[in-house]
Amino acid sequence: MEPSQYHLPVLLHEVVANMGIRPDGTYIDATFGGGGHSRAILEQLGPQGRLIVFDQDEDAYRNRIVDERVTFVKENFRHLHRFLKLHKALDADGLLADLGVSSHQFDTGARGFSTRFDGNLDMRMDTRNSVTAADVLQTYSEQHLHQLFQDYGEVTNARTLARTIVQLRKAHPLRTIAEFKSLIQPIVKGNPAKYLAQVFQALRITVNDELGALKDLLTQSSQVLKPGGRLSIITFHSLEDRLVKNYMKAGSFETADENPYSFETPPKLFRLITKKPVTAGEAELRANPRSRSAKLRVAEKI
């Protein structure tokens, strides 16, 4: 599969323009995916430049760029600091993470990310991990399911959904997307496509501990960037965007309003380059509808 088909990189020009790429710099693409952003960064690098890319996905690894300036780390970006130290790439000039699941994963039914295909309820980004979406649905308590659908999917009837799954799962198999959809069909509220997308988002975030991994990435970003190095993050939903916004602004995941008992003000780690998130223009929205929910925030390490 051609890289361009594998994943259309979102906000490509905006990312490159805001990273301030130096030809001899060291850059990190924490979410290689189809390699679109990496290729654009490489075009700006000279012979002395370096690009370290992370992706735990087997398909992404098969699609890697063969270039002596590129180092591919087949790991989750939450292990950023350890592997950058290993590859002597600390004090980087820029770090990019595109938190969208690659279009390729959505378009591969067997991976279980998409409501549009039947396939196993898998949803693991890293197939070396043992817990799948089917395991979550079969084993989590009603309270735990309610919490994850409410917090990660903002599902309107999260409590009813959790209760229904727990009541019916003993007698009904929950191995495939089709089995799951038919099980919950009677309680779907509003637009079915939107409802299912929210439910699947909640499961995907849970299976891959996406918010935990993002917090790890953000916390380590200030340790791996040199002063003046830029952190660029593309988010696709409000849960991620809130974490990124708060961390870039205040060096913390909660605002003072959210945690009134916190008397300590964490030291300021970053200076904002984008005061408001950068979003896709009309041409990109027409070419790639998935870019509609993408938000890019950029900050510079102090």
C-alpha atoms as a PDB file:
ATOM      1  CA  MET A   1       0.000   0.000   0.000  1.00  0.00           C
ATOM      2  CA  GLU A   2       1.369   3.420  -0.953  1.00  0.00           C
ATOM      3  CA  PRO A   3       2.175   5.761   1.951  1.00  0.00           C
ATOM      4  CA  SER A   4      -0.183   8.420   0.572  1.00  0.00           C
ATOM      5  CA  GLN A   5      -3.069   5.947   0.685  1.00  0.00           C
ATOM      6  CA  TYR A   6      -2.009   4.601   4.059  1.00  0.00           C
ATOM      7  CA  HIS A   7      -2.605   7.828   5.978  1.00  0.00           C
ATOM      8  CA  LEU A   8      -3.236  11.348   4.746  1.00  0.00           C
ATOM      9  CA  PRO A   9      -1.169  13.497   7.117  1.00  0.00           C
ATOM     10  CA  VAL A  10      -3.371  16.205   8.649  1.00  0.00           C
ATOM     11  CA  LEU A  11      -2.356  19.872   8.915  1.00  0.00           C
ATOM     12  CA  LEU A  12       0.889  19.028   7.092  1.00  0.00           C
ATOM     13  CA  HIS A  13       1.847  22.565   5.996  1.00  0.00           C
ATOM     14  CA  GLU A  14       0.834  24.036   9.337  1.00  0.00           C
ATOM     15  CA  VAL A  15       2.994  21.500  11.219  1.00  0.00           C
ATOM     16  CA  VAL A  16       6.093  22.179   9.099  1.00  0.00           C
ATOM     17  CA  ALA A  17       5.599  25.977   9.238  1.00  0.00           C
ATOM     18  CA  ASN A  18       5.275  25.996  13.051  1.00  0.00           C
ATOM     19  CA  MET A  19       8.110  23.577  13.859  1.00  0.00           C
ATOM     20  CA  GLY A  20      10.821  26.006  12.715  1.00  0.00           C
ATOM     21  CA  ILE A  21      12.922  23.133  11.333  1.00  0.00           C
ATOM     22  CA  ARG A  22      16.720  23.576  11.294  1.00  0.00           C
ATOM     23  CA  PRO A  23      18.554  21.563   8.598  1.00  0.00           C
ATOM     24  CA  ASP A  24      21.074  20.140  11.105  1.00  0.00           C
ATOM     25  CA  GLY A  25      18.550  19.600  13.906  1.00  0.00           C
ATOM     26  CA  THR A  26      17.288  16.468  15.663  1.00  0.00           C
ATOM     27  CA  TYR A  27      13.538  15.868  15.381  1.00  0.00           C
ATOM     28  CA  ILE A  28      11.122  13.288  16.744  1.00  0.00           C
ATOM     29  CA  ASP A  29       7.946  12.054  15.069  1.00  0.00           C
ATOM     30  CA  ALA A  30       6.285  10.178  17.935  1.00  0.00           C
ATOM     31  CA  THR A  31       3.471   8.811  15.718  1.00  0.00           C
ATOM     32  CA  PHE A  32       4.963   7.674  12.408  1.00  0.00           C
ATOM     33  CA  GLY A  33       1.752   6.120  10.993  1.00  0.00           C
ATOM     34  CA  GLY A  34       1.945   6.359   7.203  1.00  0.00           C
ATOM     35  CA  GLY A  35       5.030   8.576   7.422  1.00  0.00           C
ATOM     36  CA  GLY A  36       3.501  11.691   5.819  1.00  0.00           C
ATOM     37  CA  HIS A  37       4.712  14.117   8.491  1.00  0.00           C
ATOM     38  CA  SER A  38       8.107  12.377   8.706  1.00  0.00           C
ATOM     39  CA  ARG A  39       8.690  12.752   4.970  1.00  0.00           C
ATOM     40  CA  ALA A  40       7.855  16.467   5.135  1.00  0.00           C
ATOM     41  CA  ILE A  41      10.296  16.962   8.050  1.00  0.00           C
ATOM     42  CA  LEU A  42      13.017  15.002   6.192  1.00  0.00           C
ATOM     43  CA  GLU A  43      12.654  17.279   3.175  1.00  0.00           C
ATOM     44  CA  GLN A  44      13.701  20.188   5.403  1.00  0.00           C
ATOM     45  CA  LEU A  45      16.678  18.362   6.934  1.00  0.00           C
ATOM     46  CA  GLY A  46      20.228  18.407   5.559  1.00  0.00           C
ATOM     47  CA  PRO A  47      22.748  15.555   5.669  1.00  0.00           C
ATOM     48  CA  GLN A  48      23.535  16.273   9.352  1.00  0.00           C
ATOM     49  CA  GLY A  49      19.879  16.271  10.423  1.00  0.00           C
ATOM     50  CA  ARG A  50      18.331  13.389  12.384  1.00  0.00           C
ATOM     51  CA  LEU A  51      14.794  12.062  12.641  1.00  0.00           C
ATOM     52  CA  ILE A  52      13.758   9.553  15.320  1.00  0.00           C
ATOM     53  CA  VAL A  53      10.326   8.011  14.689  1.00  0.00           C
ATOM     54  CA  PHE A  54       8.154   5.976  17.045  1.00  0.00           C
ATOM     55  CA  ASP A  55       5.321   3.616  16.160  1.00  0.00           C
ATOM     56  CA  GLN A  56       4.270   0.398  17.883  1.00  0.00           C
ATOM     57  CA  ASP A  57       2.149  -0.648  14.895  1.00  0.00           C
ATOM     58  CA  GLU A  58       3.428  -3.532  12.753  1.00  0.00           C
ATOM     59  CA  ASP A  59       1.926  -2.052   9.542  1.00  0.00           C
ATOM     60  CA  ALA A  60       3.712   1.258  10.185  1.00  0.00           C
ATOM     61  CA  TYR A  61       7.017  -0.566  10.632  1.00  0.00           C
ATOM     62  CA  ARG A  62       6.573  -2.375   7.300  1.00  0.00           C
ATOM     63  CA  ASN A  63       6.018   1.045   5.739  1.00  0.00           C
ATOM     64  CA  ARG A  64       9.146   2.641   7.284  1.00  0.00           C
ATOM     65  CA  ILE A  65      11.426   5.104   5.484  1.00  0.00           C
ATOM     66  CA  VAL A  66      14.833   3.763   4.488  1.00  0.00           C
ATOM     67  CA  ASP A  67      17.166   6.717   5.048  1.00  0.00           C
ATOM     68  CA  GLU A  68      20.370   6.814   7.109  1.00  0.00           C
ATOM     69  CA  ARG A  69      19.123   9.939   8.927  1.00  0.00           C
ATOM     70  CA  VAL A  70      16.057   8.048  10.227  1.00  0.00           C
ATOM     71  CA  THR A  71      15.917   5.791  13.303  1.00  0.00           C
ATOM     72  CA  PHE A  72      12.698   3.739  13.703  1.00  0.00           C
ATOM     73  CA  VAL A  73      11.723   2.836  17.290  1.00  0.00           C
ATOM     74  CA  LYS A  74       9.011   0.160  17.305  1.00  0.00           C
ATOM     75  CA  GLU A  75       7.582   1.193  20.674  1.00  0.00           C
ATOM     76  CA  ASN A  76       4.784   3.257  22.190  1.00  0.00           C
ATOM     77  CA  PHE A  77       5.768   6.917  22.543  1.00  0.00           C
ATOM     78  CA  ARG A  78       5.246   6.684  26.302  1.00  0.00           C
ATOM     79  CA  HIS A  79       8.789   5.190  26.373  1.00  0.00           C
ATOM     80  CA  LEU A  80      10.146   8.308  24.645  1.00  0.00           C
ATOM     81  CA  HIS A  81      12.885   9.298  27.108  1.00  0.00           C
ATOM     82  CA  ARG A  82      14.325   5.795  27.484  1.00  0.00           C
ATOM     83  CA  PHE A  83      14.734   5.213  23.734  1.00  0.00           C
ATOM     84  CA  LEU A  84      15.959   8.726  22.921  1.00  0.00           C
ATOM     85  CA  LYS A  85      18.638   8.280  25.577  1.00  0.00           C
ATOM     86  CA  LEU A  86      19.510   4.892  24.064  1.00  0.00           C
ATOM     87  CA  HIS A  87      19.861   6.440  20.582  1.00  0.00           C
ATOM     88  CA  LYS A  88      21.745   9.495  21.940  1.00  0.00           C
ATOM     89  CA  ALA A  89      19.035  11.842  20.734  1.00  0.00           C
ATOM     90  CA  LEU A  90      18.218  13.841  23.880  1.00  0.00           C
ATOM     91  CA  ASP A  91      18.178  17.654  23.554  1.00  0.00           C
ATOM     92  CA  ALA A  92      16.014  17.453  20.440  1.00  0.00           C
ATOM     93  CA  ASP A  93      14.970  20.513  18.422  1.00  0.00           C
ATOM     94  CA  GLY A  94      11.386  19.430  17.858  1.00  0.00           C
ATOM     95  CA  LEU A  95       8.814  16.797  18.771  1.00  0.00           C
ATOM     96  CA  LEU A  96       5.609  16.035  16.863  1.00  0.00           C
ATOM     97  CA  ALA A  97       2.730  13.734  17.817  1.00  0.00           C
ATOM     98  CA  ASP A  98      -0.407  13.221  15.690  1.00  0.00           C
ATOM     99  CA  LEU A  99      -2.856  11.496  18.024  1.00  0.00           C
ATOM    100  CA  GLY A 100      -5.341  10.399  15.354  1.00  0.00           C
ATOM    101  CA  VAL A 101      -5.641   6.700  14.641  1.00  0.00           C
ATOM    102  CA  SER A 102      -4.283   6.289  11.143  1.00  0.00           C
ATOM    103  CA  SER A 103      -6.843   6.069   8.350  1.00  0.00           C
ATOM    104  CA  HIS A 104      -5.288   2.727   7.453  1.00  0.00           C
ATOM    105  CA  GLN A 105      -6.303   1.293  10.825  1.00  0.00           C
ATOM    106  CA  PHE A 106      -9.854   2.588  10.397  1.00  0.00           C
ATOM    107  CA  ASP A 107     -10.000   1.069   6.925  1.00  0.00           C
ATOM    108  CA  THR A 108      -8.772  -2.370   7.998  1.00  0.00           C
ATOM    109  CA  GLY A 109     -11.796  -4.237   9.307  1.00  0.00           C
ATOM    110  CA  ALA A 110      -9.749  -6.962  10.976  1.00  0.00           C
ATOM    111  CA  ARG A 111      -8.231  -4.429  13.377  1.00  0.00           C
ATOM    112  CA  GLY A 112     -11.643  -3.770  14.943  1.00  0.00           C
ATOM    113  CA  PHE A 113     -11.362   0.040  15.065  1.00  0.00           C
ATOM    114  CA  SER A 114     -14.221   0.819  12.696  1.00  0.00           C
ATOM    115  CA  THR A 115     -17.978   0.519  13.063  1.00  0.00           C
ATOM    116  CA  ARG A 116     -18.225   0.255   9.263  1.00  0.00           C
ATOM    117  CA  PHE A 117     -16.778  -3.248   8.966  1.00  0.00           C
ATOM    118  CA  ASP A 118     -17.259  -6.518  10.741  1.00  0.00           C
ATOM    119  CA  GLY A 119     -14.176  -7.939  12.400  1.00  0.00           C
ATOM    120  CA  ASN A 120     -12.970  -9.048  15.797  1.00  0.00           C
ATOM    121  CA  LEU A 121     -13.402  -6.567  18.651  1.00  0.00           C
ATOM    122  CA  ASP A 122      -9.668  -5.997  18.917  1.00  0.00           C
ATOM    123  CA  MET A 123      -8.648  -2.281  18.790  1.00  0.00           C
ATOM    124  CA  ARG A 124      -5.073  -2.870  19.974  1.00  0.00           C
ATOM    125  CA  MET A 125      -2.595  -0.450  18.392  1.00  0.00           C
ATOM    126  CA  ASP A 126       0.174  -2.746  19.576  1.00  0.00           C
ATOM    127  CA  THR A 127      -0.845  -6.343  18.903  1.00  0.00           C
ATOM    128  CA  ARG A 128       1.798  -7.493  21.432  1.00  0.00           C
ATOM    129  CA  ASN A 129      -0.535  -6.284  24.204  1.00  0.00           C
ATOM    130  CA  SER A 130      -2.926  -8.907  25.531  1.00  0.00           C
ATOM    131  CA  VAL A 131      -6.139  -6.981  26.368  1.00  0.00           C
ATOM    132  CA  THR A 132      -8.602  -6.447  23.493  1.00  0.00           C
ATOM    133  CA  ALA A 133     -11.894  -4.534  23.309  1.00  0.00           C
ATOM    134  CA  ALA A 134     -13.721  -7.893  23.594  1.00  0.00           C
ATOM    135  CA  ASP A 135     -11.873  -8.549  26.881  1.00  0.00           C
ATOM    136  CA  VAL A 136     -12.938  -5.148  28.235  1.00  0.00           C
ATOM    137  CA  LEU A 137     -16.601  -5.808  27.351  1.00  0.00           C
ATOM    138  CA  GLN A 138     -16.526  -9.339  28.793  1.00  0.00           C
ATOM    139  CA  THR A 139     -14.675  -8.687  32.050  1.00  0.00           C
ATOM    140  CA  TYR A 140     -15.051  -5.081  33.248  1.00  0.00           C
ATOM    141  CA  SER A 141     -17.578  -4.393  36.020  1.00  0.00           C
ATOM    142  CA  GLU A 142     -20.757  -2.430  35.303  1.00  0.00           C
ATOM    143  CA  GLN A 143     -19.393   0.568  37.224  1.00  0.00           C
ATOM    144  CA  HIS A 144     -16.084   0.485  35.312  1.00  0.00           C
ATOM    145  CA  LEU A 145     -17.871   0.238  31.930  1.00  0.00           C
ATOM    146  CA  HIS A 146     -20.225   3.084  32.896  1.00  0.00           C
ATOM    147  CA  GLN A 147     -17.239   5.273  33.834  1.00  0.00           C
ATOM    148  CA  LEU A 148     -15.281   4.629  30.636  1.00  0.00           C
ATOM    149  CA  PHE A 149     -18.274   5.196  28.313  1.00  0.00           C
ATOM    150  CA  GLN A 150     -19.123   8.397  30.174  1.00  0.00           C
ATOM    151  CA  ASP A 151     -15.592   9.812  30.484  1.00  0.00           C
ATOM    152  CA  TYR A 152     -13.950   8.652  27.255  1.00  0.00           C
ATOM    153  CA  GLY A 153     -16.931   8.562  24.898  1.00  0.00           C
ATOM    154  CA  GLU A 154     -19.322  11.114  26.431  1.00  0.00           C
ATOM    155  CA  VAL A 155     -22.038   8.524  25.647  1.00  0.00           C
ATOM    156  CA  THR A 156     -25.458   9.942  26.625  1.00  0.00           C
ATOM    157  CA  ASN A 157     -26.853   6.772  28.235  1.00  0.00           C
ATOM    158  CA  ALA A 158     -23.539   5.350  29.496  1.00  0.00           C
ATOM    159  CA  ARG A 159     -25.177   3.818  32.586  1.00  0.00           C
ATOM    160  CA  THR A 160     -27.871   1.996  30.566  1.00  0.00           C
ATOM    161  CA  LEU A 161     -25.270   0.809  28.057  1.00  0.00           C
ATOM    162  CA  ALA A 162     -23.042  -0.618  30.810  1.00  0.00           C
ATOM    163  CA  ARG A 163     -25.991  -2.350  32.516  1.00  0.00           C
ATOM    164  CA  THR A 164     -27.187  -3.861  29.197  1.00  0.00           C
ATOM    165  CA  ILE A 165     -23.715  -5.230  28.362  1.00  0.00           C
ATOM    166  CA  VAL A 166     -23.312  -6.834  31.810  1.00  0.00           C
ATOM    167  CA  GLN A 167     -26.826  -8.339  31.740  1.00  0.00           C
ATOM    168  CA  LEU A 168     -26.524  -9.814  28.255  1.00  0.00           C
ATOM    169  CA  ARG A 169     -22.846 -10.799  27.983  1.00  0.00           C
ATOM    170  CA  LYS A 170     -23.216 -14.118  29.863  1.00  0.00           C
ATOM    171  CA  ALA A 171     -25.613 -15.498  27.260  1.00  0.00           C
ATOM    172  CA  HIS A 172     -24.348 -13.654  24.150  1.00  0.00           C
ATOM    173  CA  PRO A 173     -20.914 -13.834  22.562  1.00  0.00           C
ATOM    174  CA  LEU A 174     -19.124 -10.480  22.214  1.00  0.00           C
ATOM    175  CA  ARG A 175     -16.290 -11.430  19.923  1.00  0.00           C
ATOM    176  CA  THR A 176     -17.088  -9.421  16.800  1.00  0.00           C
ATOM    177  CA  ILE A 177     -18.248  -5.916  15.896  1.00  0.00           C
ATOM    178  CA  ALA A 178     -21.475  -7.320  14.363  1.00  0.00           C
ATOM    179  CA  GLU A 179     -22.314  -9.269  17.557  1.00  0.00           C
ATOM    180  CA  PHE A 180     -21.710  -6.191  19.716  1.00  0.00           C
ATOM    181  CA  LYS A 181     -23.748  -3.869  17.450  1.00  0.00           C
ATOM    182  CA  SER A 182     -26.732  -6.233  17.394  1.00  0.00           C
ATOM    183  CA  LEU A 183     -26.564  -6.634  21.185  1.00  0.00           C
ATOM    184  CA  ILE A 184     -26.733  -2.888  21.905  1.00  0.00           C
ATOM    185  CA  GLN A 185     -28.951  -1.942  18.936  1.00  0.00           C
ATOM    186  CA  PRO A 186     -32.169  -1.588  21.067  1.00  0.00           C
ATOM    187  CA  ILE A 187     -30.603   1.056  23.331  1.00  0.00           C
ATOM    188  CA  VAL A 188     -28.770   3.183  20.725  1.00  0.00           C
ATOM    189  CA  LYS A 189     -29.789   6.832  21.213  1.00  0.00           C
ATOM    190  CA  GLY A 190     -29.869   9.575  18.572  1.00  0.00           C
ATOM    191  CA  ASN A 191     -27.810   9.249  15.403  1.00  0.00           C
ATOM    192  CA  PRO A 192     -26.634   5.568  15.363  1.00  0.00           C
ATOM    193  CA  ALA A 193     -23.378   6.319  13.517  1.00  0.00           C
ATOM    194  CA  LYS A 194     -22.403   9.056  16.010  1.00  0.00           C
ATOM    195  CA  TYR A 195     -23.448   6.948  19.000  1.00  0.00           C
ATOM    196  CA  LEU A 196     -21.388   3.949  17.867  1.00  0.00           C
ATOM    197  CA  ALA A 197     -18.394   6.191  17.084  1.00  0.00           C
ATOM    198  CA  GLN A 198     -18.470   7.493  20.688  1.00  0.00           C
ATOM    199  CA  VAL A 199     -18.755   3.964  22.115  1.00  0.00           C
ATOM    200  CA  PHE A 200     -15.857   2.742  19.942  1.00  0.00           C
ATOM    201  CA  GLN A 201     -13.744   5.773  20.873  1.00  0.00           C
ATOM    202  CA  ALA A 202     -14.207   4.964  24.579  1.00  0.00           C
ATOM    203  CA  LEU A 203     -13.173   1.337  24.031  1.00  0.00           C
ATOM    204  CA  ARG A 204     -10.145   2.305  21.913  1.00  0.00           C
ATOM    205  CA  ILE A 205      -8.895   4.820  24.513  1.00  0.00           C
ATOM    206  CA  THR A 206      -9.285   2.174  27.237  1.00  0.00           C
ATOM    207  CA  VAL A 207      -7.622  -0.709  25.360  1.00  0.00           C
ATOM    208  CA  ASN A 208      -4.596   1.429  24.455  1.00  0.00           C
ATOM    209  CA  ASP A 209      -4.486   3.561  27.645  1.00  0.00           C
ATOM    210  CA  GLU A 210      -4.290   6.523  25.271  1.00  0.00           C
ATOM    211  CA  LEU A 211      -4.683   9.288  27.853  1.00  0.00           C
ATOM    212  CA  GLY A 212      -2.105   7.680  30.161  1.00  0.00           C
ATOM    213  CA  ALA A 213       0.328   7.416  27.240  1.00  0.00           C
ATOM    214  CA  LEU A 214      -0.326  11.068  26.274  1.00  0.00           C
ATOM    215  CA  LYS A 215       0.378  12.236  29.838  1.00  0.00           C
ATOM    216  CA  ASP A 216       3.642  10.266  29.783  1.00  0.00           C
ATOM    217  CA  LEU A 217       4.588  11.827  26.440  1.00  0.00           C
ATOM    218  CA  LEU A 218       3.850  15.375  27.621  1.00  0.00           C
ATOM    219  CA  THR A 219       5.692  14.916  30.934  1.00  0.00           C
ATOM    220  CA  GLN A 220       8.772  13.571  29.119  1.00  0.00           C
ATOM    221  CA  SER A 221       8.669  16.202  26.355  1.00  0.00           C
ATOM    222  CA  SER A 222      10.229  18.839  28.594  1.00  0.00           C
ATOM    223  CA  GLN A 223      13.062  16.398  29.429  1.00  0.00           C
ATOM    224  CA  VAL A 224      13.894  15.507  25.805  1.00  0.00           C
ATOM    225  CA  LEU A 225      13.653  18.954  24.144  1.00  0.00           C
ATOM    226  CA  LYS A 226      16.444  21.521  24.356  1.00  0.00           C
ATOM    227  CA  PRO A 227      15.544  25.123  25.330  1.00  0.00           C
ATOM    228  CA  GLY A 228      13.939  26.633  22.211  1.00  0.00           C
ATOM    229  CA  GLY A 229      12.881  23.153  21.020  1.00  0.00           C
ATOM    230  CA  ARG A 230       9.276  22.967  19.855  1.00  0.00           C
ATOM    231  CA  LEU A 231       6.504  20.613  20.924  1.00  0.00           C
ATOM    232  CA  SER A 232       3.730  20.128  18.316  1.00  0.00           C
ATOM    233  CA  ILE A 233       0.683  17.999  19.155  1.00  0.00           C
ATOM    234  CA  ILE A 234      -2.345  17.255  16.954  1.00  0.00           C
ATOM    235  CA  THR A 235      -5.422  16.131  18.916  1.00  0.00           C
ATOM    236  CA  PHE A 236      -8.783  14.833  17.714  1.00  0.00           C
ATOM    237  CA  HIS A 237     -11.067  15.080  20.725  1.00  0.00           C
ATOM    238  CA  SER A 238     -11.606  17.352  23.714  1.00  0.00           C
ATOM    239  CA  LEU A 239     -10.144  14.969  26.325  1.00  0.00           C
ATOM    240  CA  GLU A 240      -6.749  15.004  24.595  1.00  0.00           C
ATOM    241  CA  ASP A 241      -6.876  18.686  23.711  1.00  0.00           C
ATOM    242  CA  ARG A 242      -7.581  19.677  27.329  1.00  0.00           C
ATOM    243  CA  LEU A 243      -4.515  17.753  28.575  1.00  0.00           C
ATOM    244  CA  VAL A 244      -2.266  19.290  25.892  1.00  0.00           C
ATOM    245  CA  LYS A 245      -3.600  22.826  26.408  1.00  0.00           C
ATOM    246  CA  ASN A 246      -3.213  22.700  30.205  1.00  0.00           C
ATOM    247  CA  TYR A 247       0.273  21.181  30.057  1.00  0.00           C
ATOM    248  CA  MET A 248       1.577  23.683  27.509  1.00  0.00           C
ATOM    249  CA  LYS A 249       0.084  26.621  29.421  1.00  0.00           C
ATOM    250  CA  ALA A 250       0.800  25.630  33.004  1.00  0.00           C
ATOM    251  CA  GLY A 251       3.033  22.531  33.107  1.00  0.00           C
ATOM    252  CA  SER A 252       0.154  20.620  34.730  1.00  0.00           C
ATOM    253  CA  PHE A 253      -2.817  18.508  33.556  1.00  0.00           C
ATOM    254  CA  GLU A 254      -5.348  20.341  35.699  1.00  0.00           C
ATOM    255  CA  THR A 255      -6.074  24.042  35.816  1.00  0.00           C
ATOM    256  CA  ALA A 256      -6.193  25.817  39.191  1.00  0.00           C
ATOM    257  CA  ASP A 257     -10.011  25.908  38.861  1.00  0.00           C
ATOM    258  CA  GLU A 258     -10.154  22.111  38.461  1.00  0.00           C
ATOM    259  CA  ASN A 259      -7.982  21.551  41.531  1.00  0.00           C
ATOM    260  CA  PRO A 260      -8.640  24.352  44.059  1.00  0.00           C
ATOM    261  CA  TYR A 261      -6.612  22.528  46.758  1.00  0.00           C
ATOM    262  CA  SER A 262      -3.363  22.805  44.832  1.00  0.00           C
ATOM    263  CA  PHE A 263      -1.360  25.679  46.332  1.00  0.00           C
ATOM    264  CA  GLU A 264       1.774  25.071  44.331  1.00  0.00           C
ATOM    265  CA  THR A 265       2.142  26.695  40.949  1.00  0.00           C
ATOM    266  CA  PRO A 266       4.263  24.359  38.789  1.00  0.00           C
ATOM    267  CA  PRO A 267       7.164  26.059  36.994  1.00  0.00           C
ATOM    268  CA  LYS A 268       6.393  27.317  33.503  1.00  0.00           C
ATOM    269  CA  LEU A 269       7.975  24.911  31.039  1.00  0.00           C
ATOM    270  CA  PHE A 270       6.750  26.207  27.675  1.00  0.00           C
ATOM    271  CA  ARG A 271       5.991  29.414  25.805  1.00  0.00           C
ATOM    272  CA  LEU A 272       2.945  29.157  23.536  1.00  0.00           C
ATOM    273  CA  ILE A 273       3.638  29.541  19.802  1.00  0.00           C
ATOM    274  CA  THR A 274      -0.038  29.064  18.866  1.00  0.00           C
ATOM    275  CA  LYS A 275      -2.309  31.077  21.159  1.00  0.00           C
ATOM    276  CA  LYS A 276      -5.337  29.231  19.724  1.00  0.00           C
ATOM    277  CA  PRO A 277      -5.343  25.762  18.163  1.00  0.00           C
ATOM    278  CA  VAL A 278      -4.628  25.633  14.418  1.00  0.00           C
ATOM    279  CA  THR A 279      -7.372  23.882  12.417  1.00  0.00           C
ATOM    280  CA  ALA A 280      -7.704  22.662   8.819  1.00  0.00           C
ATOM    281  CA  GLY A 281      -8.472  25.053   5.960  1.00  0.00           C
ATOM    282  CA  GLU A 282     -11.269  24.620   3.411  1.00  0.00           C
ATOM    283  CA  ALA A 283      -9.144  22.763   0.841  1.00  0.00           C
ATOM    284  CA  GLU A 284      -7.962  20.172   3.375  1.00  0.00           C
ATOM    285  CA  LEU A 285     -11.471  19.704   4.772  1.00  0.00           C
ATOM    286  CA  ARG A 286     -12.709  18.887   1.264  1.00  0.00           C
ATOM    287  CA  ALA A 287      -9.805  16.504   0.550  1.00  0.00           C
ATOM    288  CA  ASN A 288      -9.790  14.787   3.950  1.00  0.00           C
ATOM    289  CA  PRO A 289     -13.014  14.952   6.016  1.00  0.00           C
ATOM    290  CA  ARG A 290     -11.213  13.389   8.991  1.00  0.00           C
ATOM    291  CA  SER A 291      -9.215  16.614   9.394  1.00  0.00           C
ATOM    292  CA  ARG A 292     -12.390  18.379  10.618  1.00  0.00           C
ATOM    293  CA  SER A 293     -11.757  17.542  14.275  1.00  0.00           C
ATOM    294  CA  ALA A 294      -7.950  18.001  14.194  1.00  0.00           C
ATOM    295  CA  LYS A 295      -6.394  20.703  16.397  1.00  0.00           C
ATOM    296  CA  LEU A 296      -2.690  21.573  16.357  1.00  0.00           C
ATOM    297  CA  ARG A 297      -1.054  23.248  19.361  1.00  0.00           C
ATOM    298  CA  VAL A 298       2.620  24.281  19.362  1.00  0.00           C
ATOM    299  CA  ALA A 299       4.785  25.458  22.273  1.00  0.00           C
ATOM    300  CA  GLU A 300       8.480  26.202  22.742  1.00  0.00           C
ATOM    301  CA  LYS A 301      10.502  24.922  25.663  1.00  0.00           C
ATOM    302  CA  ILE A 302      11.741  27.748  27.880  1.00  0.00           C
END
